[in-house]
Amino acid sequence: MTNWFALLEQQPGLFITISLSAAGLLLLLVLVLWINLLSFKKKFKQLMKGATGENLEELLKQHVVLVQAHQELAEENRVTMKMIEENQRKSVQYVGVKRFNAFEDVGSRLSYSIALLDDHLNGVVLTGLHGRYESTTYAKAIDHGHSEQHLSVEEMDALQMAREQQLKRNKG
């Protein structure tokens, strides 16, 4: 430490020159930083104005509100879609039709059996028997692919056609 004081006493001009040089460098550094800060402020203001001159912060707030509204709407739509899908499972999706001649004296296969089933294989088999002088229609309930009433061969064929449609859809 005494060496520094001795040097300072011997050459005070050198100390002043070094001090002024350091102060000049620091002043130059401050000026460069000040210019960069002004440039940054200008760019920041432009950024905050956005492309149309609106305040970007306000635009971001509005965007957040819109995103939240869309998320709520998406959740409502998800719930609605789930209800629609469940209702769709309960609607007629599989149809099997078997046409046949119920009586020997009546041709053209005017009698029929139609199986109408939902996704759970619940539904009905409708059978229409067409005769020369009269026609009769029967309906038999189907619960999970089975009927409590006896099914004719044609009714079973129509039911099997509808079941095969379900199997194809589930495989595909």
N, C-alpha and C. Protein backbone atom coordinates (compact mmCIF):
# COMPACT_ATOMS: atom_id res chain seq x y z
N MET A 1 0.81 -1.18 0.00
CA MET A 1 0.00 0.00 0.00
C MET A 1 0.86 1.25 0.00
N THR A 2 1.98 1.19 0.72
CA THR A 2 2.85 2.36 0.77
C THR A 2 3.48 2.63 -0.58
N ASN A 3 3.66 1.59 -1.39
CA ASN A 3 4.22 1.78 -2.74
C ASN A 3 3.28 2.62 -3.59
N TRP A 4 1.99 2.42 -3.44
CA TRP A 4 1.01 3.20 -4.21
C TRP A 4 1.06 4.67 -3.82
N PHE A 5 1.14 4.90 -2.51
CA PHE A 5 1.20 6.30 -2.07
C PHE A 5 2.49 6.97 -2.53
N ALA A 6 3.55 6.22 -2.55
CA ALA A 6 4.83 6.78 -2.98
C ALA A 6 4.77 7.11 -4.47
N LEU A 7 4.17 6.20 -5.24
CA LEU A 7 4.03 6.42 -6.67
C LEU A 7 3.12 7.62 -6.93
N LEU A 8 2.08 7.75 -6.13
CA LEU A 8 1.14 8.86 -6.29
C LEU A 8 1.83 10.20 -5.98
N GLU A 9 2.68 10.22 -4.98
CA GLU A 9 3.39 11.45 -4.63
C GLU A 9 4.41 11.81 -5.70
N GLN A 10 5.01 10.81 -6.31
CA GLN A 10 6.05 11.07 -7.30
C GLN A 10 5.45 11.49 -8.64
N GLN A 11 4.34 10.88 -9.04
CA GLN A 11 3.75 11.19 -10.36
C GLN A 11 2.24 11.40 -10.23
N PRO A 12 1.80 12.52 -9.73
CA PRO A 12 0.38 12.78 -9.58
C PRO A 12 -0.32 12.92 -10.93
N GLY A 13 0.37 13.36 -11.97
CA GLY A 13 -0.22 13.52 -13.32
C GLY A 13 -0.63 12.18 -13.90
N LEU A 14 0.18 11.14 -13.66
CA LEU A 14 -0.14 9.80 -14.15
C LEU A 14 -1.43 9.31 -13.51
N PHE A 15 -1.56 9.54 -12.21
CA PHE A 15 -2.78 9.13 -11.50
C PHE A 15 -3.99 9.85 -12.05
N ILE A 16 -3.86 11.15 -12.29
CA ILE A 16 -4.97 11.95 -12.82
C ILE A 16 -5.31 11.48 -14.22
N THR A 17 -4.30 11.20 -15.03
CA THR A 17 -4.54 10.73 -16.40
C THR A 17 -5.26 9.39 -16.39
N ILE A 18 -4.83 8.47 -15.56
CA ILE A 18 -5.48 7.16 -15.46
C ILE A 18 -6.91 7.32 -14.96
N SER A 19 -7.11 8.17 -13.98
CA SER A 19 -8.46 8.39 -13.42
C SER A 19 -9.37 9.01 -14.46
N LEU A 20 -8.86 10.01 -15.20
CA LEU A 20 -9.67 10.65 -16.25
C LEU A 20 -9.97 9.68 -17.38
N SER A 21 -9.00 8.84 -17.73
CA SER A 21 -9.23 7.83 -18.78
C SER A 21 -10.30 6.84 -18.35
N ALA A 22 -10.23 6.38 -17.12
CA ALA A 22 -11.23 5.43 -16.61
C ALA A 22 -12.60 6.09 -16.57
N ALA A 23 -12.65 7.36 -16.13
CA ALA A 23 -13.92 8.08 -16.08
C ALA A 23 -14.47 8.27 -17.48
N GLY A 24 -13.59 8.57 -18.47
CA GLY A 24 -14.01 8.73 -19.86
C GLY A 24 -14.57 7.44 -20.42
N LEU A 25 -13.90 6.31 -20.13
CA LEU A 25 -14.39 5.00 -20.59
C LEU A 25 -15.75 4.68 -19.96
N LEU A 26 -15.88 4.98 -18.68
CA LEU A 26 -17.16 4.73 -18.01
C LEU A 26 -18.26 5.62 -18.59
N LEU A 27 -17.91 6.88 -18.89
CA LEU A 27 -18.88 7.79 -19.50
C LEU A 27 -19.30 7.29 -20.88
N LEU A 28 -18.33 6.82 -21.66
CA LEU A 28 -18.61 6.27 -22.98
C LEU A 28 -19.51 5.03 -22.85
N LEU A 29 -19.22 4.18 -21.88
CA LEU A 29 -20.04 2.99 -21.65
C LEU A 29 -21.46 3.38 -21.26
N VAL A 30 -21.60 4.39 -20.41
CA VAL A 30 -22.93 4.87 -20.02
C VAL A 30 -23.69 5.39 -21.23
N LEU A 31 -23.01 6.15 -22.10
CA LEU A 31 -23.65 6.67 -23.31
C LEU A 31 -24.12 5.54 -24.23
N VAL A 32 -23.28 4.54 -24.43
CA VAL A 32 -23.66 3.39 -25.27
C VAL A 32 -24.87 2.68 -24.67
N LEU A 33 -24.85 2.47 -23.38
CA LEU A 33 -25.98 1.81 -22.72
C LEU A 33 -27.24 2.66 -22.82
N TRP A 34 -27.09 3.98 -22.69
CA TRP A 34 -28.25 4.89 -22.78
C TRP A 34 -28.87 4.82 -24.18
N ILE A 35 -28.02 4.83 -25.20
CA ILE A 35 -28.51 4.73 -26.59
C ILE A 35 -29.22 3.39 -26.81
N ASN A 36 -28.64 2.32 -26.30
CA ASN A 36 -29.29 1.00 -26.42
C ASN A 36 -30.63 0.97 -25.69
N LEU A 37 -30.68 1.61 -24.53
CA LEU A 37 -31.93 1.65 -23.77
C LEU A 37 -33.01 2.41 -24.53
N LEU A 38 -32.65 3.54 -25.13
CA LEU A 38 -33.62 4.31 -25.92
C LEU A 38 -34.11 3.51 -27.12
N SER A 39 -33.20 2.80 -27.77
CA SER A 39 -33.57 1.96 -28.91
C SER A 39 -34.51 0.84 -28.47
N PHE A 40 -34.20 0.24 -27.33
CA PHE A 40 -35.04 -0.82 -26.79
C PHE A 40 -36.43 -0.30 -26.44
N LYS A 41 -36.49 0.89 -25.82
CA LYS A 41 -37.79 1.48 -25.48
C LYS A 41 -38.63 1.73 -26.73
N LYS A 42 -37.98 2.22 -27.78
CA LYS A 42 -38.69 2.48 -29.03
C LYS A 42 -39.25 1.18 -29.61
N LYS A 43 -38.43 0.16 -29.65
CA LYS A 43 -38.88 -1.14 -30.17
C LYS A 43 -39.98 -1.75 -29.29
N PHE A 44 -39.85 -1.58 -27.99
CA PHE A 44 -40.85 -2.11 -27.06
C PHE A 44 -42.19 -1.43 -27.26
N LYS A 45 -42.17 -0.10 -27.46
CA LYS A 45 -43.42 0.64 -27.71
C LYS A 45 -44.06 0.17 -29.00
N GLN A 46 -43.25 -0.05 -30.04
CA GLN A 46 -43.79 -0.54 -31.30
C GLN A 46 -44.41 -1.93 -31.11
N LEU A 47 -43.73 -2.77 -30.37
CA LEU A 47 -44.24 -4.12 -30.10
C LEU A 47 -45.55 -4.06 -29.34
N MET A 48 -45.63 -3.19 -28.36
CA MET A 48 -46.83 -3.10 -27.54
C MET A 48 -48.01 -2.50 -28.31
N LYS A 49 -47.73 -1.77 -29.39
CA LYS A 49 -48.81 -1.21 -30.19
C LYS A 49 -49.41 -2.26 -31.12
N GLY A 50 -48.67 -3.25 -31.55
CA GLY A 50 -49.18 -4.25 -32.47
C GLY A 50 -49.21 -3.73 -33.89
N ALA A 51 -49.66 -4.58 -34.79
CA ALA A 51 -49.64 -4.24 -36.21
C ALA A 51 -50.67 -3.18 -36.56
N THR A 52 -51.80 -3.16 -35.86
CA THR A 52 -52.88 -2.23 -36.20
C THR A 52 -52.87 -1.00 -35.31
N GLY A 53 -51.85 -0.85 -34.49
CA GLY A 53 -51.78 0.31 -33.62
C GLY A 53 -52.46 0.11 -32.28
N GLU A 54 -53.02 -1.07 -32.06
CA GLU A 54 -53.67 -1.34 -30.78
C GLU A 54 -52.63 -1.75 -29.76
N ASN A 55 -52.99 -1.63 -28.52
CA ASN A 55 -52.10 -2.00 -27.43
C ASN A 55 -52.02 -3.52 -27.36
N LEU A 56 -50.80 -4.05 -27.48
CA LEU A 56 -50.61 -5.50 -27.50
C LEU A 56 -51.02 -6.15 -26.19
N GLU A 57 -50.80 -5.48 -25.10
CA GLU A 57 -51.19 -6.03 -23.80
C GLU A 57 -52.69 -6.24 -23.74
N GLU A 58 -53.46 -5.26 -24.24
CA GLU A 58 -54.92 -5.40 -24.27
C GLU A 58 -55.33 -6.52 -25.21
N LEU A 59 -54.65 -6.62 -26.34
CA LEU A 59 -54.95 -7.70 -27.28
C LEU A 59 -54.71 -9.06 -26.65
N LEU A 60 -53.62 -9.18 -25.89
CA LEU A 60 -53.33 -10.45 -25.22
C LEU A 60 -54.38 -10.77 -24.16
N LYS A 61 -54.83 -9.76 -23.43
CA LYS A 61 -55.88 -9.99 -22.43
C LYS A 61 -57.16 -10.46 -23.10
N GLN A 62 -57.52 -9.79 -24.22
CA GLN A 62 -58.72 -10.20 -24.96
C GLN A 62 -58.57 -11.62 -25.49
N HIS A 63 -57.37 -11.94 -25.95
CA HIS A 63 -57.11 -13.29 -26.46
C HIS A 63 -57.26 -14.34 -25.37
N VAL A 64 -56.78 -14.04 -24.18
CA VAL A 64 -56.92 -14.98 -23.06
C VAL A 64 -58.39 -15.20 -22.74
N VAL A 65 -59.18 -14.13 -22.74
CA VAL A 65 -60.62 -14.26 -22.48
C VAL A 65 -61.28 -15.12 -23.55
N LEU A 66 -60.91 -14.89 -24.83
CA LEU A 66 -61.47 -15.68 -25.92
C LEU A 66 -61.08 -17.15 -25.82
N VAL A 67 -59.84 -17.40 -25.47
CA VAL A 67 -59.38 -18.79 -25.32
C VAL A 67 -60.17 -19.49 -24.21
N GLN A 68 -60.39 -18.80 -23.09
CA GLN A 68 -61.16 -19.39 -21.99
C GLN A 68 -62.59 -19.67 -22.44
N ALA A 69 -63.18 -18.73 -23.20
CA ALA A 69 -64.55 -18.93 -23.70
C ALA A 69 -64.60 -20.13 -24.64
N HIS A 70 -63.59 -20.27 -25.48
CA HIS A 70 -63.55 -21.41 -26.40
C HIS A 70 -63.34 -22.73 -25.66
N GLN A 71 -62.57 -22.69 -24.60
CA GLN A 71 -62.38 -23.90 -23.80
C GLN A 71 -63.69 -24.32 -23.15
N GLU A 72 -64.45 -23.35 -22.64
CA GLU A 72 -65.75 -23.67 -22.05
C GLU A 72 -66.70 -24.21 -23.11
N LEU A 73 -66.70 -23.61 -24.28
CA LEU A 73 -67.54 -24.08 -25.37
C LEU A 73 -67.13 -25.48 -25.81
N ALA A 74 -65.85 -25.73 -25.87
CA ALA A 74 -65.36 -27.07 -26.23
C ALA A 74 -65.82 -28.11 -25.21
N GLU A 75 -65.80 -27.75 -23.94
CA GLU A 75 -66.27 -28.68 -22.90
C GLU A 75 -67.76 -28.94 -23.05
N GLU A 76 -68.54 -27.87 -23.32
CA GLU A 76 -69.97 -28.05 -23.55
C GLU A 76 -70.21 -28.95 -24.76
N ASN A 77 -69.43 -28.73 -25.82
CA ASN A 77 -69.57 -29.56 -27.02
C ASN A 77 -69.20 -31.01 -26.75
N ARG A 78 -68.20 -31.23 -25.90
CA ARG A 78 -67.80 -32.60 -25.56
C ARG A 78 -68.94 -33.31 -24.84
N VAL A 79 -69.57 -32.61 -23.90
CA VAL A 79 -70.70 -33.19 -23.16
C VAL A 79 -71.86 -33.48 -24.12
N THR A 80 -72.14 -32.51 -25.00
CA THR A 80 -73.23 -32.68 -25.97
C THR A 80 -72.93 -33.85 -26.90
N MET A 81 -71.69 -33.96 -27.37
CA MET A 81 -71.32 -35.06 -28.26
C MET A 81 -71.47 -36.40 -27.55
N LYS A 82 -71.14 -36.44 -26.29
CA LYS A 82 -71.29 -37.69 -25.54
C LYS A 82 -72.76 -38.08 -25.48
N MET A 83 -73.64 -37.11 -25.26
CA MET A 83 -75.08 -37.38 -25.23
C MET A 83 -75.57 -37.83 -26.60
N ILE A 84 -75.08 -37.17 -27.65
CA ILE A 84 -75.48 -37.53 -29.01
C ILE A 84 -75.02 -38.95 -29.33
N GLU A 85 -73.79 -39.27 -28.95
CA GLU A 85 -73.28 -40.62 -29.22
C GLU A 85 -74.11 -41.67 -28.50
N GLU A 86 -74.51 -41.39 -27.26
CA GLU A 86 -75.33 -42.35 -26.52
C GLU A 86 -76.70 -42.48 -27.17
N ASN A 87 -77.29 -41.36 -27.59
CA ASN A 87 -78.58 -41.43 -28.28
C ASN A 87 -78.46 -42.17 -29.60
N GLN A 88 -77.36 -41.97 -30.28
CA GLN A 88 -77.14 -42.64 -31.55
C GLN A 88 -77.04 -44.14 -31.36
N ARG A 89 -76.44 -44.58 -30.26
CA ARG A 89 -76.35 -46.01 -29.98
C ARG A 89 -77.73 -46.62 -29.77
N LYS A 90 -78.68 -45.78 -29.35
CA LYS A 90 -80.03 -46.27 -29.10
C LYS A 90 -80.93 -46.16 -30.34
N SER A 91 -80.41 -45.59 -31.42
CA SER A 91 -81.22 -45.44 -32.63
C SER A 91 -80.98 -46.63 -33.56
N VAL A 92 -81.86 -46.80 -34.52
CA VAL A 92 -81.73 -47.89 -35.47
C VAL A 92 -80.47 -47.68 -36.30
N GLN A 93 -79.60 -48.70 -36.28
CA GLN A 93 -78.35 -48.62 -37.02
C GLN A 93 -78.15 -49.80 -37.96
N TYR A 94 -78.77 -50.90 -37.61
CA TYR A 94 -78.55 -52.11 -38.38
C TYR A 94 -79.90 -52.62 -38.87
N VAL A 95 -79.97 -52.90 -40.16
CA VAL A 95 -81.22 -53.33 -40.77
C VAL A 95 -80.95 -54.59 -41.59
N GLY A 96 -81.74 -55.60 -41.32
CA GLY A 96 -81.67 -56.82 -42.12
C GLY A 96 -83.03 -57.06 -42.75
N VAL A 97 -83.05 -57.31 -44.07
CA VAL A 97 -84.31 -57.52 -44.79
C VAL A 97 -84.26 -58.87 -45.48
N LYS A 98 -85.30 -59.65 -45.24
CA LYS A 98 -85.43 -60.97 -45.90
C LYS A 98 -86.80 -60.99 -46.57
N ARG A 99 -86.81 -61.14 -47.91
CA ARG A 99 -88.07 -61.25 -48.66
C ARG A 99 -88.28 -62.71 -49.00
N PHE A 100 -89.56 -63.13 -48.98
CA PHE A 100 -89.85 -64.54 -49.24
C PHE A 100 -91.31 -64.71 -49.68
N ASN A 101 -91.62 -65.90 -50.15
CA ASN A 101 -92.99 -66.28 -50.50
C ASN A 101 -93.58 -67.00 -49.29
N ALA A 102 -94.57 -66.42 -48.67
CA ALA A 102 -95.17 -67.04 -47.50
C ALA A 102 -96.14 -68.17 -47.88
N PHE A 103 -96.74 -68.05 -49.05
CA PHE A 103 -97.73 -69.04 -49.48
C PHE A 103 -97.39 -69.49 -50.89
N GLU A 104 -97.71 -70.72 -51.20
CA GLU A 104 -97.37 -71.28 -52.50
C GLU A 104 -98.14 -70.62 -53.64
N ASP A 105 -99.36 -70.18 -53.39
CA ASP A 105 -100.17 -69.63 -54.47
C ASP A 105 -99.90 -68.14 -54.72
N VAL A 106 -99.01 -67.53 -53.94
CA VAL A 106 -98.68 -66.12 -54.12
C VAL A 106 -97.19 -66.02 -54.43
N GLY A 107 -96.87 -65.48 -55.58
CA GLY A 107 -95.46 -65.37 -55.97
C GLY A 107 -94.91 -63.99 -55.71
N SER A 108 -93.82 -63.66 -56.35
CA SER A 108 -93.15 -62.36 -56.33
C SER A 108 -92.54 -61.99 -55.00
N ARG A 109 -92.42 -62.92 -54.11
CA ARG A 109 -91.76 -62.68 -52.81
C ARG A 109 -92.27 -61.38 -52.18
N LEU A 110 -93.56 -61.29 -51.94
CA LEU A 110 -94.17 -60.10 -51.36
C LEU A 110 -94.18 -60.11 -49.83
N SER A 111 -93.88 -61.22 -49.22
CA SER A 111 -93.78 -61.28 -47.76
C SER A 111 -92.36 -60.88 -47.36
N TYR A 112 -92.20 -60.42 -46.13
CA TYR A 112 -90.89 -59.91 -45.71
C TYR A 112 -90.73 -60.03 -44.20
N SER A 113 -89.48 -60.04 -43.79
CA SER A 113 -89.09 -59.88 -42.38
C SER A 113 -87.99 -58.82 -42.36
N ILE A 114 -88.16 -57.84 -41.49
CA ILE A 114 -87.18 -56.74 -41.36
C ILE A 114 -86.74 -56.67 -39.90
N ALA A 115 -85.44 -56.76 -39.68
CA ALA A 115 -84.87 -56.58 -38.34
C ALA A 115 -84.32 -55.16 -38.25
N LEU A 116 -84.75 -54.40 -37.25
CA LEU A 116 -84.29 -53.03 -37.00
C LEU A 116 -83.64 -53.01 -35.62
N LEU A 117 -82.32 -52.84 -35.57
CA LEU A 117 -81.58 -52.95 -34.30
C LEU A 117 -80.73 -51.71 -34.03
N ASP A 118 -80.53 -51.43 -32.73
CA ASP A 118 -79.61 -50.36 -32.34
C ASP A 118 -78.24 -50.95 -32.07
N ASP A 119 -77.33 -50.16 -31.53
CA ASP A 119 -75.96 -50.61 -31.30
C ASP A 119 -75.87 -51.69 -30.22
N HIS A 120 -76.89 -51.78 -29.36
CA HIS A 120 -76.90 -52.80 -28.31
C HIS A 120 -77.68 -54.04 -28.74
N LEU A 121 -78.02 -54.09 -30.04
CA LEU A 121 -78.82 -55.18 -30.62
C LEU A 121 -80.21 -55.27 -29.99
N ASN A 122 -80.76 -54.12 -29.64
CA ASN A 122 -82.14 -54.03 -29.18
C ASN A 122 -82.96 -53.47 -30.32
N GLY A 123 -84.20 -53.92 -30.44
CA GLY A 123 -85.04 -53.39 -31.51
C GLY A 123 -86.26 -54.26 -31.73
N VAL A 124 -86.55 -54.48 -33.00
CA VAL A 124 -87.76 -55.20 -33.36
C VAL A 124 -87.55 -55.93 -34.69
N VAL A 125 -88.27 -57.04 -34.84
CA VAL A 125 -88.35 -57.72 -36.12
C VAL A 125 -89.80 -57.59 -36.58
N LEU A 126 -89.97 -56.98 -37.74
CA LEU A 126 -91.30 -56.82 -38.34
C LEU A 126 -91.44 -57.86 -39.45
N THR A 127 -92.56 -58.55 -39.45
CA THR A 127 -92.82 -59.53 -40.48
C THR A 127 -94.17 -59.24 -41.10
N GLY A 128 -94.18 -59.16 -42.41
CA GLY A 128 -95.42 -58.96 -43.16
C GLY A 128 -95.66 -60.17 -44.03
N LEU A 129 -96.80 -60.81 -43.82
CA LEU A 129 -97.16 -61.98 -44.62
C LEU A 129 -98.23 -61.56 -45.61
N HIS A 130 -97.91 -61.69 -46.90
CA HIS A 130 -98.82 -61.27 -47.96
C HIS A 130 -99.47 -62.51 -48.57
N GLY A 131 -100.79 -62.57 -48.48
CA GLY A 131 -101.54 -63.67 -49.09
C GLY A 131 -102.36 -63.14 -50.26
N ARG A 132 -103.04 -64.03 -50.93
CA ARG A 132 -103.84 -63.64 -52.08
C ARG A 132 -104.95 -62.69 -51.67
N TYR A 133 -105.59 -62.91 -50.52
CA TYR A 133 -106.76 -62.12 -50.12
C TYR A 133 -106.54 -61.26 -48.88
N GLU A 134 -105.40 -61.44 -48.22
CA GLU A 134 -105.17 -60.64 -47.01
C GLU A 134 -103.67 -60.56 -46.72
N SER A 135 -103.33 -59.58 -45.90
CA SER A 135 -101.95 -59.41 -45.44
C SER A 135 -101.96 -59.21 -43.93
N THR A 136 -100.94 -59.73 -43.28
CA THR A 136 -100.83 -59.63 -41.82
C THR A 136 -99.42 -59.18 -41.47
N THR A 137 -99.32 -58.35 -40.45
CA THR A 137 -98.01 -57.86 -40.01
C THR A 137 -97.82 -58.22 -38.54
N TYR A 138 -96.61 -58.68 -38.21
CA TYR A 138 -96.26 -59.04 -36.83
C TYR A 138 -95.01 -58.24 -36.42
N ALA A 139 -94.94 -57.92 -35.15
CA ALA A 139 -93.76 -57.27 -34.59
C ALA A 139 -93.31 -58.08 -33.38
N LYS A 140 -92.02 -58.37 -33.34
CA LYS A 140 -91.47 -59.13 -32.21
C LYS A 140 -90.28 -58.35 -31.65
N ALA A 141 -90.30 -58.13 -30.35
CA ALA A 141 -89.24 -57.35 -29.69
C ALA A 141 -87.94 -58.16 -29.65
N ILE A 142 -86.84 -57.43 -29.81
CA ILE A 142 -85.50 -58.02 -29.74
C ILE A 142 -84.75 -57.32 -28.61
N ASP A 143 -84.21 -58.11 -27.71
CA ASP A 143 -83.45 -57.58 -26.57
C ASP A 143 -82.07 -58.21 -26.58
N HIS A 144 -81.07 -57.41 -26.83
CA HIS A 144 -79.67 -57.85 -26.93
C HIS A 144 -79.51 -59.02 -27.91
N GLY A 145 -80.20 -58.91 -29.04
CA GLY A 145 -80.06 -59.89 -30.11
C GLY A 145 -80.93 -61.12 -29.98
N HIS A 146 -81.80 -61.16 -28.97
CA HIS A 146 -82.65 -62.33 -28.77
C HIS A 146 -84.10 -61.90 -28.57
N SER A 147 -85.00 -62.81 -28.92
CA SER A 147 -86.43 -62.54 -28.77
C SER A 147 -87.04 -63.55 -27.82
N GLU A 148 -88.02 -63.09 -27.03
CA GLU A 148 -88.74 -64.01 -26.15
C GLU A 148 -89.73 -64.85 -26.95
N GLN A 149 -90.20 -64.30 -28.08
CA GLN A 149 -91.10 -65.04 -28.95
C GLN A 149 -90.29 -65.89 -29.92
N HIS A 150 -90.94 -66.94 -30.39
CA HIS A 150 -90.31 -67.81 -31.38
C HIS A 150 -90.14 -67.02 -32.69
N LEU A 151 -88.97 -67.13 -33.30
CA LEU A 151 -88.71 -66.47 -34.57
C LEU A 151 -88.72 -67.50 -35.69
N SER A 152 -89.35 -67.12 -36.79
CA SER A 152 -89.34 -67.99 -37.96
C SER A 152 -87.95 -67.99 -38.59
N VAL A 153 -87.75 -68.87 -39.55
CA VAL A 153 -86.46 -68.95 -40.25
C VAL A 153 -86.16 -67.62 -40.93
N GLU A 154 -87.16 -67.02 -41.57
CA GLU A 154 -86.96 -65.75 -42.26
C GLU A 154 -86.65 -64.62 -41.27
N GLU A 155 -87.31 -64.62 -40.13
CA GLU A 155 -87.05 -63.61 -39.10
C GLU A 155 -85.63 -63.76 -38.55
N MET A 156 -85.20 -65.00 -38.34
CA MET A 156 -83.83 -65.24 -37.86
C MET A 156 -82.81 -64.81 -38.92
N ASP A 157 -83.15 -65.05 -40.21
CA ASP A 157 -82.24 -64.59 -41.28
C ASP A 157 -82.10 -63.07 -41.27
N ALA A 158 -83.21 -62.36 -41.14
CA ALA A 158 -83.17 -60.89 -41.10
C ALA A 158 -82.37 -60.42 -39.89
N LEU A 159 -82.59 -61.06 -38.73
CA LEU A 159 -81.87 -60.71 -37.51
C LEU A 159 -80.37 -60.96 -37.70
N GLN A 160 -80.02 -62.07 -38.32
CA GLN A 160 -78.60 -62.39 -38.55
C GLN A 160 -77.96 -61.37 -39.50
N MET A 161 -78.71 -60.92 -40.52
CA MET A 161 -78.17 -59.89 -41.43
C MET A 161 -77.85 -58.61 -40.66
N ALA A 162 -78.72 -58.21 -39.77
CA ALA A 162 -78.48 -56.99 -38.97
C ALA A 162 -77.29 -57.18 -38.04
N ARG A 163 -77.17 -58.35 -37.42
CA ARG A 163 -76.03 -58.64 -36.54
C ARG A 163 -74.72 -58.58 -37.31
N GLU A 164 -74.71 -59.10 -38.52
CA GLU A 164 -73.49 -59.09 -39.34
C GLU A 164 -73.06 -57.66 -39.67
N GLN A 165 -74.03 -56.78 -39.85
CA GLN A 165 -73.69 -55.38 -40.09
C GLN A 165 -72.95 -54.80 -38.88
N GLN A 166 -73.42 -55.16 -37.69
CA GLN A 166 -72.75 -54.68 -36.48
C GLN A 166 -71.33 -55.24 -36.39
N LEU A 167 -71.19 -56.52 -36.69
CA LEU A 167 -69.87 -57.12 -36.64
C LEU A 167 -68.91 -56.46 -37.64
N LYS A 168 -69.40 -56.18 -38.85
CA LYS A 168 -68.56 -55.51 -39.85
C LYS A 168 -68.14 -54.12 -39.38
N ARG A 169 -69.06 -53.38 -38.78
CA ARG A 169 -68.73 -52.03 -38.31
C ARG A 169 -67.71 -52.08 -37.17
N ASN A 170 -67.88 -53.03 -36.26
CA ASN A 170 -66.96 -53.13 -35.13
C ASN A 170 -65.57 -53.58 -35.56
N LYS A 171 -65.49 -54.38 -36.62
CA LYS A 171 -64.17 -54.82 -37.13
C LYS A 171 -63.51 -53.72 -37.93
N GLY A 172 -64.31 -52.94 -38.66
CA GLY A 172 -63.78 -51.93 -39.59
C GLY A 172 -63.32 -50.74 -38.89
